[in-house]
PDB file of N, CA and C in Angstrom:
ATOM      1  N   MET A   1     114.336 168.292 118.472  1.00  0.00           N
ATOM      2  CA  MET A   1     115.112 167.327 118.220  1.00  0.00           C
ATOM      3  C   MET A   1     116.764 167.910 118.806  1.00  0.00           C
ATOM      4  N   PRO A   2     117.201 167.057 119.641  1.00  0.00           N
ATOM      5  CA  PRO A   2     118.386 167.943 119.596  1.00  0.00           C
ATOM      6  C   PRO A   2     119.303 166.975 118.491  1.00  0.00           C
ATOM      7  N   ALA A   3     120.639 167.869 118.301  1.00  0.00           N
ATOM      8  CA  ALA A   3     121.419 167.216 117.094  1.00  0.00           C
ATOM      9  C   ALA A   3     122.786 167.209 117.624  1.00  0.00           C
ATOM     10  N   ILE A   4     123.655 166.226 117.131  1.00  0.00           N
ATOM     11  CA  ILE A   4     124.798 166.359 117.135  1.00  0.00           C
ATOM     12  C   ILE A   4     125.468 166.077 115.968  1.00  0.00           C
ATOM     13  N   THR A   5     126.790 167.131 115.598  1.00  0.00           N
ATOM     14  CA  THR A   5     127.303 167.649 114.571  1.00  0.00           C
ATOM     15  C   THR A   5     128.868 166.959 114.497  1.00  0.00           C
ATOM     16  N   VAL A   6     129.673 166.201 113.856  1.00  0.00           N
ATOM     17  CA  VAL A   6     130.733 166.029 114.185  1.00  0.00           C
ATOM     18  C   VAL A   6     131.544 166.280 112.835  1.00  0.00           C
ATOM     19  N   LYS A   7     132.051 167.455 112.846  1.00  0.00           N
ATOM     20  CA  LYS A   7     132.976 167.761 111.965  1.00  0.00           C
ATOM     21  C   LYS A   7     134.335 167.431 111.890  1.00  0.00           C
ATOM     22  N   SER A   8     135.124 167.020 110.870  1.00  0.00           N
ATOM     23  CA  SER A   8     136.432 165.817 110.772  1.00  0.00           C
ATOM     24  C   SER A   8     136.672 165.778 108.965  1.00  0.00           C
ATOM     25  N   ILE A   9     137.638 165.337 109.045  1.00  0.00           N
ATOM     26  CA  ILE A   9     138.059 164.968 107.520  1.00  0.00           C
ATOM     27  C   ILE A   9     137.112 163.433 107.365  1.00  0.00           C
ATOM     28  N   GLU A  10     136.804 163.138 106.086  1.00  0.00           N
ATOM     29  CA  GLU A  10     135.743 162.128 105.894  1.00  0.00           C
ATOM     30  C   GLU A  10     136.471 160.783 106.825  1.00  0.00           C
ATOM     31  N   LEU A  11     134.791 160.147 107.446  1.00  0.00           N
ATOM     32  CA  LEU A  11     135.417 158.907 108.388  1.00  0.00           C
ATOM     33  C   LEU A  11     135.482 157.961 107.307  1.00  0.00           C
ATOM     34  N   SER A  12     135.304 156.739 108.025  1.00  0.00           N
ATOM     35  CA  SER A  12     135.029 155.526 107.193  1.00  0.00           C
ATOM     36  C   SER A  12     133.550 155.202 107.915  1.00  0.00           C
ATOM     37  N   ASP A  13     132.905 154.194 107.231  1.00  0.00           N
ATOM     38  CA  ASP A  13     131.661 153.542 107.619  1.00  0.00           C
ATOM     39  C   ASP A  13     131.939 152.965 108.687  1.00  0.00           C
ATOM     40  N   ILE A  14     132.653 152.239 109.122  1.00  0.00           N
ATOM     41  CA  ILE A  14     132.702 151.662 110.820  1.00  0.00           C
ATOM     42  C   ILE A  14     133.275 152.557 111.689  1.00  0.00           C
ATOM     43  N   GLN A  15     133.950 153.567 111.733  1.00  0.00           N
ATOM     44  CA  GLN A  15     134.015 155.154 112.522  1.00  0.00           C
ATOM     45  C   GLN A  15     132.686 155.550 112.519  1.00  0.00           C
ATOM     46  N   LYS A  16     132.417 156.142 111.292  1.00  0.00           N
ATOM     47  CA  LYS A  16     130.673 156.644 112.155  1.00  0.00           C
ATOM     48  C   LYS A  16     129.544 155.918 112.563  1.00  0.00           C
ATOM     49  N   LYS A  17     129.628 154.645 112.378  1.00  0.00           N
ATOM     50  CA  LYS A  17     128.714 153.499 113.021  1.00  0.00           C
ATOM     51  C   LYS A  17     129.228 153.627 114.629  1.00  0.00           C
ATOM     52  N   VAL A  18     130.326 153.648 115.070  1.00  0.00           N
ATOM     53  CA  VAL A  18     130.669 153.572 116.443  1.00  0.00           C
ATOM     54  C   VAL A  18     130.753 154.910 117.035  1.00  0.00           C
ATOM     55  N   LEU A  19     131.025 155.861 116.106  1.00  0.00           N
ATOM     56  CA  LEU A  19     130.899 157.394 116.656  1.00  0.00           C
ATOM     57  C   LEU A  19     129.241 157.592 117.098  1.00  0.00           C
ATOM     58  N   ALA A  20     128.512 157.167 115.915  1.00  0.00           N
ATOM     59  CA  ALA A  20     126.977 157.518 116.529  1.00  0.00           C
ATOM     60  C   ALA A  20     126.378 156.884 117.589  1.00  0.00           C
ATOM     61  N   LYS A  21     127.145 155.389 117.537  1.00  0.00           N
ATOM     62  CA  LYS A  21     126.674 154.925 118.771  1.00  0.00           C
ATOM     63  C   LYS A  21     126.552 155.390 120.338  1.00  0.00           C
ATOM     64  N   LYS A  22     128.265 155.655 120.331  1.00  0.00           N
ATOM     65  CA  LYS A  22     128.514 156.424 121.573  1.00  0.00           C
ATOM     66  C   LYS A  22     127.854 157.516 121.965  1.00  0.00           C
ATOM     67  N   TYR A  23     128.228 158.591 120.792  1.00  0.00           N
ATOM     68  CA  TYR A  23     127.789 159.781 121.442  1.00  0.00           C
ATOM     69  C   TYR A  23     126.086 159.629 121.436  1.00  0.00           C
ATOM     70  N   VAL A  24     125.301 159.045 120.972  1.00  0.00           N
ATOM     71  CA  VAL A  24     123.870 159.011 121.202  1.00  0.00           C
ATOM     72  C   VAL A  24     123.848 158.688 122.775  1.00  0.00           C
ATOM     73  N   GLU A  25     124.592 157.643 122.684  1.00  0.00           N
ATOM     74  CA  GLU A  25     124.110 156.567 123.980  1.00  0.00           C
ATOM     75  C   GLU A  25     124.252 157.886 125.138  1.00  0.00           C
ATOM     76  N   ILE A  26     125.898 158.382 125.029  1.00  0.00           N
ATOM     77  CA  ILE A  26     125.848 159.379 126.185  1.00  0.00           C
ATOM     78  C   ILE A  26     125.056 160.927 126.068  1.00  0.00           C
ATOM     79  N   PHE A  27     124.788 161.417 124.884  1.00  0.00           N
ATOM     80  CA  PHE A  27     123.687 162.439 124.934  1.00  0.00           C
ATOM     81  C   PHE A  27     122.807 162.017 125.917  1.00  0.00           C
ATOM     82  N   SER A  28     121.872 160.640 125.241  1.00  0.00           N
ATOM     83  CA  SER A  28     120.795 160.357 125.659  1.00  0.00           C
ATOM     84  C   SER A  28     120.849 159.583 127.284  1.00  0.00           C
ATOM     85  N   GLU A  29     121.785 159.586 128.038  1.00  0.00           N
ATOM     86  CA  GLU A  29     121.922 159.151 129.144  1.00  0.00           C
ATOM     87  C   GLU A  29     121.888 160.078 130.034  1.00  0.00           C
ATOM     88  N   ILE A  30     122.570 161.439 129.710  1.00  0.00           N
ATOM     89  CA  ILE A  30     123.202 162.335 130.118  1.00  0.00           C
ATOM     90  C   ILE A  30     121.588 163.335 130.472  1.00  0.00           C
ATOM     91  N   THR A  31     121.224 163.724 129.404  1.00  0.00           N
ATOM     92  CA  THR A  31     119.829 164.557 129.174  1.00  0.00           C
ATOM     93  C   THR A  31     118.957 163.959 129.500  1.00  0.00           C
ATOM     94  N   ASN A  32     118.701 162.472 129.229  1.00  0.00           N
ATOM     95  CA  ASN A  32     117.100 161.704 129.220  1.00  0.00           C
ATOM     96  C   ASN A  32     116.628 162.066 127.996  1.00  0.00           C
ATOM     97  N   VAL A  33     117.117 162.007 126.983  1.00  0.00           N
ATOM     98  CA  VAL A  33     116.423 162.689 125.734  1.00  0.00           C
ATOM     99  C   VAL A  33     116.177 161.078 124.992  1.00  0.00           C
ATOM    100  N   PRO A  34     115.332 160.615 124.625  1.00  0.00           N
ATOM    101  CA  PRO A  34     115.273 159.106 123.992  1.00  0.00           C
ATOM    102  C   PRO A  34     115.880 158.693 122.937  1.00  0.00           C
ATOM    103  N   LYS A  35     116.806 158.099 122.577  1.00  0.00           N
ATOM    104  CA  LYS A  35     117.798 158.011 121.299  1.00  0.00           C
ATOM    105  C   LYS A  35     117.755 158.360 119.943  1.00  0.00           C
ATOM    106  N   ASP A  36     115.904 157.894 119.688  1.00  0.00           N
ATOM    107  CA  ASP A  36     115.595 158.002 118.317  1.00  0.00           C
ATOM    108  C   ASP A  36     115.134 159.565 118.759  1.00  0.00           C
ATOM    109  N   ARG A  37     115.073 159.911 119.289  1.00  0.00           N
ATOM    110  CA  ARG A  37     115.076 161.302 119.225  1.00  0.00           C
ATOM    111  C   ARG A  37     116.473 162.179 119.543  1.00  0.00           C
ATOM    112  N   VAL A  38     117.593 161.623 119.167  1.00  0.00           N
ATOM    113  CA  VAL A  38     118.566 162.282 119.327  1.00  0.00           C
ATOM    114  C   VAL A  38     119.227 162.133 117.992  1.00  0.00           C
ATOM    115  N   TYR A  39     119.594 163.398 116.632  1.00  0.00           N
ATOM    116  CA  TYR A  39     120.250 162.969 115.428  1.00  0.00           C
ATOM    117  C   TYR A  39     121.807 163.356 115.705  1.00  0.00           C
ATOM    118  N   ILE A  40     122.408 162.977 115.154  1.00  0.00           N
ATOM    119  CA  ILE A  40     124.143 162.836 114.380  1.00  0.00           C
ATOM    120  C   ILE A  40     124.294 162.946 112.949  1.00  0.00           C
ATOM    121  N   PHE A  41     124.675 164.175 113.013  1.00  0.00           N
ATOM    122  CA  PHE A  41     125.489 164.953 111.009  1.00  0.00           C
ATOM    123  C   PHE A  41     126.921 164.758 111.137  1.00  0.00           C
ATOM    124  N   PHE A  42     127.005 163.630 110.123  1.00  0.00           N
ATOM    125  CA  PHE A  42     128.877 164.024 110.108  1.00  0.00           C
ATOM    126  C   PHE A  42     128.861 164.889 109.157  1.00  0.00           C
ATOM    127  N   ASP A  43     129.340 165.885 109.302  1.00  0.00           N
ATOM    128  CA  ASP A  43     129.951 166.826 107.928  1.00  0.00           C
ATOM    129  C   ASP A  43     131.621 166.480 107.742  1.00  0.00           C
ATOM    130  N   GLY A  44     132.071 165.323 106.744  1.00  0.00           N
ATOM    131  CA  GLY A  44     133.197 165.093 106.621  1.00  0.00           C
ATOM    132  C   GLY A  44     133.748 165.920 105.233  1.00  0.00           C
ATOM    133  N   HIS A  45     134.825 166.325 105.468  1.00  0.00           N
ATOM    134  CA  HIS A  45     135.983 167.251 104.426  1.00  0.00           C
ATOM    135  C   HIS A  45     136.720 166.046 103.945  1.00  0.00           C
ATOM    136  N   GLU A  46     137.110 166.495 102.443  1.00  0.00           N
ATOM    137  CA  GLU A  46     137.988 165.731 101.399  1.00  0.00           C
ATOM    138  C   GLU A  46     139.459 166.507 102.288  1.00  0.00           C
ATOM    139  N   LEU A  47     140.105 165.541 101.773  1.00  0.00           N
ATOM    140  CA  LEU A  47     141.999 165.952 102.235  1.00  0.00           C
ATOM    141  C   LEU A  47     142.274 167.095 101.619  1.00  0.00           C
ATOM    142  N   GLU A  48     141.612 167.196  99.931  1.00  0.00           N
ATOM    143  CA  GLU A  48     142.187 168.642  99.457  1.00  0.00           C
ATOM    144  C   GLU A  48     141.269 169.741 100.132  1.00  0.00           C
ATOM    145  N   ASN A  49     140.616 169.977 100.876  1.00  0.00           N
ATOM    146  CA  ASN A  49     140.111 170.791 102.143  1.00  0.00           C
ATOM    147  C   ASN A  49     140.153 171.047 102.927  1.00  0.00           C
ATOM    148  N   VAL A  50     141.051 169.981 103.685  1.00  0.00           N
ATOM    149  CA  VAL A  50     141.565 170.670 105.239  1.00  0.00           C
ATOM    150  C   VAL A  50     142.849 170.413 105.491  1.00  0.00           C
ATOM    151  N   GLY A  51     143.646 171.311 105.849  1.00  0.00           N
ATOM    152  CA  GLY A  51     145.326 171.358 106.021  1.00  0.00           C
ATOM    153  C   GLY A  51     145.718 172.159 107.563  1.00  0.00           C
ATOM    154  N   THR A  52     146.432 171.731 107.846  1.00  0.00           N
ATOM    155  CA  THR A  52     146.964 172.415 108.939  1.00  0.00           C
ATOM    156  C   THR A  52     148.847 172.755 108.775  1.00  0.00           C
ATOM    157  N   ALA A  53     149.022 173.839 109.245  1.00  0.00           N
ATOM    158  CA  ALA A  53     150.437 174.269 109.520  1.00  0.00           C
ATOM    159  C   ALA A  53     150.987 175.060 107.552  1.00  0.00           C
ATOM    160  N   GLY A  54     149.596 175.647 106.905  1.00  0.00           N
ATOM    161  CA  GLY A  54     149.729 175.668 105.307  1.00  0.00           C
ATOM    162  C   GLY A  54     149.716 174.798 104.461  1.00  0.00           C
ATOM    163  N   ILE A  55     149.635 173.526 104.808  1.00  0.00           N
ATOM    164  CA  ILE A  55     149.941 172.245 104.250  1.00  0.00           C
ATOM    165  C   ILE A  55     148.568 171.339 104.221  1.00  0.00           C
ATOM    166  N   ARG A  56     148.105 171.054 103.106  1.00  0.00           N
ATOM    167  CA  ARG A  56     146.882 170.517 102.566  1.00  0.00           C
ATOM    168  C   ARG A  56     146.920 169.206 103.184  1.00  0.00           C
ATOM    169  N   PHE A  57     145.934 168.209 103.493  1.00  0.00           N
ATOM    170  CA  PHE A  57     146.452 166.634 103.965  1.00  0.00           C
ATOM    171  C   PHE A  57     146.549 166.599 102.719  1.00  0.00           C
ATOM    172  N   SER A  58     146.042 166.314 102.022  1.00  0.00           N
ATOM    173  CA  SER A  58     145.868 165.505 100.768  1.00  0.00           C
ATOM    174  C   SER A  58     147.865 165.594 100.180  1.00  0.00           C
ATOM    175  N   ASP A  59     148.349 166.710 100.410  1.00  0.00           N
ATOM    176  CA  ASP A  59     149.388 166.701  99.846  1.00  0.00           C
ATOM    177  C   ASP A  59     150.654 166.159 101.247  1.00  0.00           C
ATOM    178  N   HIS A  60     149.992 165.941 102.377  1.00  0.00           N
ATOM    179  CA  HIS A  60     151.272 165.468 103.266  1.00  0.00           C
ATOM    180  C   HIS A  60     150.124 164.606 103.969  1.00  0.00           C
ATOM    181  N   PRO A  61     149.422 163.508 103.938  1.00  0.00           N
ATOM    182  CA  PRO A  61     148.459 163.113 104.370  1.00  0.00           C
ATOM    183  C   PRO A  61     148.470 162.154 105.967  1.00  0.00           C
ATOM    184  N   SER A  62     147.589 162.610 107.139  1.00  0.00           N
ATOM    185  CA  SER A  62     147.799 162.522 108.119  1.00  0.00           C
ATOM    186  C   SER A  62     147.893 160.417 108.556  1.00  0.00           C
ATOM    187  N   LYS A  63     148.586 159.825 109.344  1.00  0.00           N
ATOM    188  CA  LYS A  63     148.424 158.499 109.647  1.00  0.00           C
ATOM    189  C   LYS A  63     147.317 158.454 110.695  1.00  0.00           C
ATOM    190  N   ALA A  64     146.282 159.457 111.166  1.00  0.00           N
ATOM    191  CA  ALA A  64     145.281 158.980 111.430  1.00  0.00           C
ATOM    192  C   ALA A  64     144.140 158.223 110.657  1.00  0.00           C
ATOM    193  N   TRP A  65     143.946 157.543 111.469  1.00  0.00           N
ATOM    194  CA  TRP A  65     142.314 156.526 110.619  1.00  0.00           C
ATOM    195  C   TRP A  65     141.343 157.515 110.001  1.00  0.00           C
ATOM    196  N   SER A  66     141.502 157.448 108.946  1.00  0.00           N
ATOM    197  CA  SER A  66     140.538 157.878 108.484  1.00  0.00           C
ATOM    198  C   SER A  66     140.043 157.347 107.179  1.00  0.00           C
ATOM    199  N   LYS A  67     138.503 157.756 106.615  1.00  0.00           N
ATOM    200  CA  LYS A  67     138.700 157.055 105.311  1.00  0.00           C
ATOM    201  C   LYS A  67     139.425 156.743 104.131  1.00  0.00           C
ATOM    202  N   PHE A  68     140.618 157.962 104.226  1.00  0.00           N
ATOM    203  CA  PHE A  68     141.629 157.640 103.501  1.00  0.00           C
ATOM    204  C   PHE A  68     142.559 156.937 103.770  1.00  0.00           C
ATOM    205  N   THR A  69     142.904 156.593 105.142  1.00  0.00           N
ATOM    206  CA  THR A  69     143.991 155.516 105.521  1.00  0.00           C
ATOM    207  C   THR A  69     142.922 153.893 105.668  1.00  0.00           C
ATOM    208  N   GLU A  70     141.493 153.963 105.663  1.00  0.00           N
ATOM    209  CA  GLU A  70     141.365 152.614 106.292  1.00  0.00           C
ATOM    210  C   GLU A  70     141.253 151.401 105.294  1.00  0.00           C
ATOM    211  N   GLU A  71     142.296 151.331 104.554  1.00  0.00           N
ATOM    212  CA  GLU A  71     142.821 150.100 104.154  1.00  0.00           C
ATOM    213  C   GLU A  71     144.005 149.732 104.887  1.00  0.00           C
ATOM    214  N   ASP A  72     144.564 150.595 105.447  1.00  0.00           N
ATOM    215  CA  ASP A  72     146.129 150.737 105.840  1.00  0.00           C
ATOM    216  C   ASP A  72     145.529 150.065 107.112  1.00  0.00           C
ATOM    217  N   TRP A  73     144.778 150.438 107.787  1.00  0.00           N
ATOM    218  CA  TRP A  73     144.177 150.011 109.539  1.00  0.00           C
ATOM    219  C   TRP A  73     143.242 148.901 109.349  1.00  0.00           C
ATOM    220  N   SER A  74     142.752 148.997 108.155  1.00  0.00           N
ATOM    221  CA  SER A  74     141.980 147.423 108.053  1.00  0.00           C
ATOM    222  C   SER A  74     143.207 146.481 108.033  1.00  0.00           C
ATOM    223  N   LYS A  75     144.282 146.425 107.941  1.00  0.00           N
ATOM    224  CA  LYS A  75     144.897 145.138 107.713  1.00  0.00           C
ATOM    225  C   LYS A  75     145.676 144.862 109.496  1.00  0.00           C
ATOM    226  N   ASN A  76     145.410 146.052 110.479  1.00  0.00           N
ATOM    227  CA  ASN A  76     145.688 145.733 111.813  1.00  0.00           C
ATOM    228  C   ASN A  76     144.869 144.890 112.635  1.00  0.00           C
ATOM    229  N   PRO A  77     144.909 143.958 112.984  1.00  0.00           N
ATOM    230  CA  PRO A  77     143.988 143.187 113.603  1.00  0.00           C
ATOM    231  C   PRO A  77     143.623 143.438 115.272  1.00  0.00           C
ATOM    232  N   GLU A  78     144.465 144.267 115.642  1.00  0.00           N
ATOM    233  CA  GLU A  78     144.447 145.176 117.091  1.00  0.00           C
ATOM    234  C   GLU A  78     143.096 146.507 117.002  1.00  0.00           C
ATOM    235  N   ILE A  79     143.331 146.749 116.138  1.00  0.00           N
ATOM    236  CA  ILE A  79     142.743 147.888 116.046  1.00  0.00           C
ATOM    237  C   ILE A  79     141.432 147.366 115.222  1.00  0.00           C
ATOM    238  N   VAL A  80     141.006 146.646 114.316  1.00  0.00           N
ATOM    239  CA  VAL A  80     139.897 146.309 114.190  1.00  0.00           C
ATOM    240  C   VAL A  80     138.908 145.525 115.152  1.00  0.00           C
ATOM    241  N   ALA A  81     139.402 145.079 116.613  1.00  0.00           N
ATOM    242  CA  ALA A  81     139.476 144.278 117.175  1.00  0.00           C
ATOM    243  C   ALA A  81     138.415 145.594 118.370  1.00  0.00           C
ATOM    244  N   LYS A  82     139.448 146.322 118.472  1.00  0.00           N
ATOM    245  CA  LYS A  82     139.427 147.440 119.179  1.00  0.00           C
ATOM    246  C   LYS A  82     138.061 148.151 118.555  1.00  0.00           C
ATOM    247  N   ILE A  83     138.283 148.511 117.719  1.00  0.00           N
ATOM    248  CA  ILE A  83     137.303 149.370 117.147  1.00  0.00           C
ATOM    249  C   ILE A  83     135.552 148.650 117.425  1.00  0.00           C
ATOM    250  N   LYS A  84     135.568 147.087 117.109  1.00  0.00           N
ATOM    251  CA  LYS A  84     134.566 146.396 116.573  1.00  0.00           C
ATOM    252  C   LYS A  84     133.876 146.246 118.884  1.00  0.00           C
ATOM    253  N   GLU A  85     134.643 146.088 119.397  1.00  0.00           N
ATOM    254  CA  GLU A  85     134.413 146.127 120.857  1.00  0.00           C
ATOM    255  C   GLU A  85     133.858 147.095 121.233  1.00  0.00           C
ATOM    256  N   VAL A  86     134.701 148.408 121.212  1.00  0.00           N
ATOM    257  CA  VAL A  86     134.283 150.152 121.445  1.00  0.00           C
ATOM    258  C   VAL A  86     133.005 150.101 121.080  1.00  0.00           C
ATOM    259  N   GLY A  87     132.785 149.585 119.413  1.00  0.00           N
ATOM    260  CA  GLY A  87     131.040 149.998 118.641  1.00  0.00           C
ATOM    261  C   GLY A  87     130.159 148.663 119.017  1.00  0.00           C
ATOM    262  N   GLY A  88     130.660 148.333 119.772  1.00  0.00           N
ATOM    263  CA  GLY A  88     129.482 146.844 119.935  1.00  0.00           C
ATOM    264  C   GLY A  88     128.967 146.058 119.019  1.00  0.00           C
ATOM    265  N   ILE A  89     129.663 146.184 117.554  1.00  0.00           N
ATOM    266  CA  ILE A  89     129.499 145.700 116.146  1.00  0.00           C
ATOM    267  C   ILE A  89     129.945 144.379 115.891  1.00  0.00           C
TER     268      ILE A  89
END
């Protein structure tokens, strides 16, 4: 059973769906392992537990789309359309 582990700040459900679909498709295509035999694990870390340059993200949130900024990004129709297009959802 091959496994893919994604370590990041917490992701939104839509991001996980898109990433799972794409990662598994690519892995299966390259290795010829059936998609239903490829496992994907999301290891999301809360902003309080991640930081850079000595500053926690919870103290200085990133502008990247994550579970924590999903509401802001969901108001941008271009981003929503692109995610749906790329993810085929």
